[in-house]
């Protein structure tokens, strides 16, 4: 009680899913949204690829899970990366601000060139 809550968002290529997630966060009382902008393509994690990914995803990916559209053959990183929009850019900031009343912070900007 009384604690400020923040959340992290990896923007989904299917923007309606990101909007749905943001709405749930607002309803839960989250005050700020950290949007990850420095991970458009996750690295090649060979140990992860060898271990595979066999667990059920979160409820946000439920439709894809049910349809068998989640590729579990490449490890968790590859399975997760299909849910991160590699085309996210500065032009998306107004959209992000328009879908929430929370403070929006960009996570991963290191300098003006970013």
C-alpha atoms as a PDB file:
ATOM      1  CA  UNK A   1       0.000   0.000   0.000  1.00  0.00           C
ATOM      2  CA  UNK A   2       1.184   3.478  -0.862  1.00  0.00           C
ATOM      3  CA  UNK A   3       4.000   2.266  -3.099  1.00  0.00           C
ATOM      4  CA  UNK A   4       4.447   3.784  -6.572  1.00  0.00           C
ATOM      5  CA  UNK A   5       4.346   1.162  -9.335  1.00  0.00           C
ATOM      6  CA  UNK A   6       6.184   1.394 -12.663  1.00  0.00           C
ATOM      7  CA  UNK A   7       6.083  -1.081 -15.555  1.00  0.00           C
ATOM      8  CA  UNK A   8       8.182  -1.973 -18.577  1.00  0.00           C
ATOM      9  CA  UNK A   9       6.851  -2.309 -22.117  1.00  0.00           C
ATOM     10  CA  UNK A  10       8.365  -3.991 -25.158  1.00  0.00           C
ATOM     11  CA  UNK A  11       6.161  -2.643 -27.955  1.00  0.00           C
ATOM     12  CA  UNK A  12       4.446  -5.466 -29.852  1.00  0.00           C
ATOM     13  CA  UNK A  13       4.306  -5.287 -33.673  1.00  0.00           C
ATOM     14  CA  UNK A  14       0.565  -5.750 -33.236  1.00  0.00           C
ATOM     15  CA  UNK A  15      -0.067  -2.415 -31.536  1.00  0.00           C
ATOM     16  CA  UNK A  16      -3.485  -3.384 -30.183  1.00  0.00           C
ATOM     17  CA  UNK A  17      -1.741  -5.886 -27.891  1.00  0.00           C
ATOM     18  CA  UNK A  18       0.482  -3.167 -26.483  1.00  0.00           C
ATOM     19  CA  UNK A  19      -2.546  -0.938 -25.977  1.00  0.00           C
ATOM     20  CA  UNK A  20      -4.367  -3.752 -24.150  1.00  0.00           C
ATOM     21  CA  UNK A  21      -1.363  -4.276 -21.859  1.00  0.00           C
ATOM     22  CA  UNK A  22      -1.059  -0.541 -21.133  1.00  0.00           C
ATOM     23  CA  UNK A  23      -4.763  -0.349 -20.283  1.00  0.00           C
ATOM     24  CA  UNK A  24      -4.373  -3.229 -17.789  1.00  0.00           C
ATOM     25  CA  UNK A  25      -1.412  -1.450 -16.208  1.00  0.00           C
ATOM     26  CA  UNK A  26      -3.377   1.780 -15.802  1.00  0.00           C
ATOM     27  CA  UNK A  27      -6.289  -0.106 -14.258  1.00  0.00           C
ATOM     28  CA  UNK A  28      -3.846  -1.680 -11.796  1.00  0.00           C
ATOM     29  CA  UNK A  29      -2.632   1.758 -10.693  1.00  0.00           C
ATOM     30  CA  UNK A  30       0.741   1.823 -12.431  1.00  0.00           C
ATOM     31  CA  UNK A  31       2.070   5.411 -12.540  1.00  0.00           C
ATOM     32  CA  UNK A  32       4.828   5.276 -15.179  1.00  0.00           C
ATOM     33  CA  UNK A  33       5.699   3.226 -18.236  1.00  0.00           C
ATOM     34  CA  UNK A  34       9.293   2.454 -19.202  1.00  0.00           C
ATOM     35  CA  UNK A  35       9.325   1.683 -22.932  1.00  0.00           C
ATOM     36  CA  UNK A  36      12.324  -0.400 -23.988  1.00  0.00           C
ATOM     37  CA  UNK A  37      13.755   1.081 -27.178  1.00  0.00           C
ATOM     38  CA  UNK A  38      17.201  -0.520 -27.305  1.00  0.00           C
ATOM     39  CA  UNK A  39      16.220  -4.133 -28.017  1.00  0.00           C
ATOM     40  CA  UNK A  40      14.757  -4.283 -31.539  1.00  0.00           C
ATOM     41  CA  UNK A  41      16.590  -7.562 -32.143  1.00  0.00           C
ATOM     42  CA  UNK A  42      17.610  -9.809 -29.285  1.00  0.00           C
ATOM     43  CA  UNK A  43      21.054 -11.385 -29.397  1.00  0.00           C
ATOM     44  CA  UNK A  44      21.975 -14.912 -30.459  1.00  0.00           C
ATOM     45  CA  UNK A  45      21.963 -16.755 -27.152  1.00  0.00           C
ATOM     46  CA  UNK A  46      23.325 -20.170 -28.038  1.00  0.00           C
ATOM     47  CA  UNK A  47      22.887 -21.719 -24.585  1.00  0.00           C
ATOM     48  CA  UNK A  48      19.267 -20.595 -24.640  1.00  0.00           C
ATOM     49  CA  UNK A  49      18.840 -22.115 -28.120  1.00  0.00           C
ATOM     50  CA  UNK A  50      20.231 -25.454 -26.915  1.00  0.00           C
ATOM     51  CA  UNK A  51      17.898 -25.472 -23.903  1.00  0.00           C
ATOM     52  CA  UNK A  52      14.806 -24.698 -26.004  1.00  0.00           C
ATOM     53  CA  UNK A  53      11.685 -23.048 -24.628  1.00  0.00           C
ATOM     54  CA  UNK A  54       8.877 -25.307 -23.536  1.00  0.00           C
ATOM     55  CA  UNK A  55       6.847 -23.251 -21.076  1.00  0.00           C
ATOM     56  CA  UNK A  56       3.473 -21.654 -21.764  1.00  0.00           C
ATOM     57  CA  UNK A  57       3.680 -17.894 -22.444  1.00  0.00           C
ATOM     58  CA  UNK A  58       1.770 -15.190 -20.621  1.00  0.00           C
ATOM     59  CA  UNK A  59      -1.922 -14.606 -21.234  1.00  0.00           C
ATOM     60  CA  UNK A  60      -1.038 -11.728 -23.600  1.00  0.00           C
ATOM     61  CA  UNK A  61       0.129 -14.316 -26.152  1.00  0.00           C
ATOM     62  CA  UNK A  62      -2.749 -16.719 -25.524  1.00  0.00           C
ATOM     63  CA  UNK A  63      -4.212 -16.574 -29.033  1.00  0.00           C
ATOM     64  CA  UNK A  64      -0.840 -17.352 -30.606  1.00  0.00           C
ATOM     65  CA  UNK A  65      -0.281 -20.187 -28.134  1.00  0.00           C
ATOM     66  CA  UNK A  66      -3.680 -21.679 -28.955  1.00  0.00           C
ATOM     67  CA  UNK A  67      -3.055 -21.389 -32.702  1.00  0.00           C
ATOM     68  CA  UNK A  68       0.369 -23.042 -32.401  1.00  0.00           C
ATOM     69  CA  UNK A  69       2.126 -19.945 -33.785  1.00  0.00           C
ATOM     70  CA  UNK A  70       4.878 -19.767 -31.155  1.00  0.00           C
ATOM     71  CA  UNK A  71       8.162 -21.236 -32.427  1.00  0.00           C
ATOM     72  CA  UNK A  72       9.750 -23.068 -29.496  1.00  0.00           C
ATOM     73  CA  UNK A  73      12.601 -24.590 -31.495  1.00  0.00           C
ATOM     74  CA  UNK A  74      15.021 -21.669 -31.129  1.00  0.00           C
ATOM     75  CA  UNK A  75      14.895 -20.968 -27.389  1.00  0.00           C
ATOM     76  CA  UNK A  76      13.135 -18.382 -25.256  1.00  0.00           C
ATOM     77  CA  UNK A  77      14.903 -15.402 -26.799  1.00  0.00           C
ATOM     78  CA  UNK A  78      13.685 -16.172 -30.307  1.00  0.00           C
ATOM     79  CA  UNK A  79      10.199 -16.999 -29.072  1.00  0.00           C
ATOM     80  CA  UNK A  80      10.024 -13.684 -27.237  1.00  0.00           C
ATOM     81  CA  UNK A  81      11.598 -11.593 -30.011  1.00  0.00           C
ATOM     82  CA  UNK A  82       8.620 -12.135 -32.311  1.00  0.00           C
ATOM     83  CA  UNK A  83       6.639  -9.997 -29.842  1.00  0.00           C
ATOM     84  CA  UNK A  84       9.016  -6.992 -30.056  1.00  0.00           C
ATOM     85  CA  UNK A  85       8.534  -4.438 -32.843  1.00  0.00           C
ATOM     86  CA  UNK A  86      11.906  -3.945 -34.591  1.00  0.00           C
ATOM     87  CA  UNK A  87      10.501  -0.904 -36.428  1.00  0.00           C
ATOM     88  CA  UNK A  88       9.851   1.166 -33.290  1.00  0.00           C
ATOM     89  CA  UNK A  89      11.132   4.723 -33.858  1.00  0.00           C
ATOM     90  CA  UNK A  90      10.827   8.343 -32.708  1.00  0.00           C
ATOM     91  CA  UNK A  91       7.637   8.720 -34.754  1.00  0.00           C
ATOM     92  CA  UNK A  92       5.970   6.249 -32.362  1.00  0.00           C
ATOM     93  CA  UNK A  93       6.427   8.431 -29.274  1.00  0.00           C
ATOM     94  CA  UNK A  94       3.235  10.498 -29.908  1.00  0.00           C
ATOM     95  CA  UNK A  95       1.265   7.234 -30.282  1.00  0.00           C
ATOM     96  CA  UNK A  96       2.680   5.942 -26.985  1.00  0.00           C
ATOM     97  CA  UNK A  97       1.726   9.160 -25.217  1.00  0.00           C
ATOM     98  CA  UNK A  98      -1.768   9.056 -26.747  1.00  0.00           C
ATOM     99  CA  UNK A  99      -2.663   5.619 -25.365  1.00  0.00           C
ATOM    100  CA  UNK A 100      -1.995   6.391 -21.699  1.00  0.00           C
ATOM    101  CA  UNK A 101      -2.177   8.969 -18.958  1.00  0.00           C
ATOM    102  CA  UNK A 102       0.911   7.446 -17.331  1.00  0.00           C
ATOM    103  CA  UNK A 103       4.301   9.082 -17.611  1.00  0.00           C
ATOM    104  CA  UNK A 104       6.181   7.549 -20.543  1.00  0.00           C
ATOM    105  CA  UNK A 105       9.942   7.096 -20.237  1.00  0.00           C
ATOM    106  CA  UNK A 106      12.181   5.716 -22.967  1.00  0.00           C
ATOM    107  CA  UNK A 107      14.541   3.051 -21.643  1.00  0.00           C
ATOM    108  CA  UNK A 108      17.748   2.553 -23.608  1.00  0.00           C
ATOM    109  CA  UNK A 109      18.493   6.014 -25.017  1.00  0.00           C
ATOM    110  CA  UNK A 110      22.159   6.692 -24.258  1.00  0.00           C
ATOM    111  CA  UNK A 111      22.886   9.819 -26.278  1.00  0.00           C
ATOM    112  CA  UNK A 112      21.410  12.219 -28.858  1.00  0.00           C
ATOM    113  CA  UNK A 113      22.487   9.942 -31.731  1.00  0.00           C
ATOM    114  CA  UNK A 114      20.243   7.167 -30.413  1.00  0.00           C
END
